[in-house]
Protein backbone atom coordinates (compact mmCIF):
# COMPACT_ATOMS: atom_id res chain seq x y z
CA MET A 1 107.00 92.79 60.34
CA ASP A 2 107.61 94.40 63.68
CA VAL A 3 108.08 98.14 63.04
CA LEU A 4 105.74 100.29 60.94
CA ILE A 5 106.67 103.92 60.21
CA VAL A 6 103.86 106.22 59.18
CA GLY A 7 105.50 108.78 56.91
CA GLY A 8 108.68 106.78 56.49
CA ARG A 9 109.60 108.43 53.21
CA GLY A 10 109.60 111.89 54.79
CA GLU A 11 112.67 113.59 56.23
CA PHE A 12 112.15 112.38 59.80
CA GLY A 13 111.14 108.89 58.69
CA GLN A 14 114.31 108.56 56.63
CA PHE A 15 116.38 109.84 59.55
CA LEU A 16 114.82 107.21 61.81
CA GLN A 17 115.54 104.40 59.37
CA ARG A 18 119.07 105.52 58.59
CA ASP A 19 120.45 106.83 61.88
CA ILE A 20 118.37 105.53 64.80
CA LEU A 21 116.58 102.23 64.18
CA PRO A 22 119.65 100.27 63.00
CA HIS A 23 121.22 100.95 66.43
CA ILE A 24 118.25 99.96 68.57
CA CYS A 25 116.40 97.19 66.73
CA ARG A 26 116.87 94.49 64.16
CA GLU A 27 113.21 94.01 63.29
CA PRO A 28 111.99 94.48 59.73
CA VAL A 29 110.67 97.97 58.99
CA SER A 30 107.77 98.91 56.71
CA ASN A 31 106.35 102.29 55.69
CA VAL A 32 102.86 103.68 55.30
CA GLU A 33 102.28 106.88 53.37
CA ARG A 34 99.18 108.98 52.68
CA GLU A 35 98.61 107.22 49.37
CA THR A 36 98.69 103.75 50.95
CA SER A 37 95.30 102.11 50.47
CA THR A 38 93.07 101.66 53.50
CA GLU A 39 93.15 97.87 53.17
CA GLU A 40 96.94 97.74 52.98
CA ARG A 41 97.28 100.21 55.88
CA GLN A 42 94.99 98.08 58.05
CA LEU A 43 96.96 94.93 57.27
CA LEU A 44 100.28 96.62 58.05
CA ILE A 45 98.94 98.01 61.32
CA LYS A 46 97.59 94.61 62.30
CA ASN A 47 100.96 92.92 61.66
CA ALA A 48 103.17 95.58 63.27
CA ARG A 49 104.32 95.38 66.88
CA HIS A 50 105.51 99.02 66.98
CA VAL A 51 103.91 101.91 65.08
CA VAL A 52 105.93 105.11 64.75
CA VAL A 53 104.23 108.29 63.52
CA ALA A 54 107.03 110.23 61.81
CA THR A 55 105.01 112.89 60.07
CA PRO A 56 104.43 116.62 60.36
CA LEU A 57 101.54 117.44 62.64
CA ALA A 58 99.63 119.44 60.02
CA GLY A 59 97.36 117.17 58.02
CA TYR A 60 98.19 114.00 59.90
CA ALA A 61 96.07 114.40 63.03
CA GLU A 62 93.25 112.44 61.42
CA LEU A 63 95.67 109.69 60.38
CA ALA A 64 97.06 109.46 63.91
CA CYS A 65 93.53 109.19 65.32
CA GLU A 66 92.76 106.44 62.81
CA LEU A 67 95.90 104.55 63.86
CA VAL A 68 94.92 104.65 67.50
CA TYR A 69 91.39 103.56 66.61
CA ARG A 70 92.67 100.63 64.50
CA CYS A 71 95.07 99.54 67.23
CA ARG A 72 92.15 99.13 69.65
CA ASP A 73 90.92 96.17 67.59
CA VAL A 74 94.12 94.11 67.74
CA SER A 75 94.72 91.22 70.07
CA GLN A 76 98.51 91.63 70.36
CA PRO A 77 100.27 94.36 72.34
CA LYS A 78 101.31 97.39 70.29
CA THR A 79 103.24 100.58 70.93
CA VAL A 80 102.29 103.77 69.09
């Protein structure tokens, strides 16, 4: 997996997957939502090359901070 969308089932996440990403990349896309378990989220973050935060700002600041923190521990380059 190369692209991970945090909040991919939301309005902006769906817009990205439907109207933008098909035109700029061919990599597989996965989604992480609030209810995604911590273990699964960590595995998806570890395996992703690009992490897109496509969520409303309210309530997701902590999640965004966690993503940045988790990305510090990876050995491969990542974009957030």
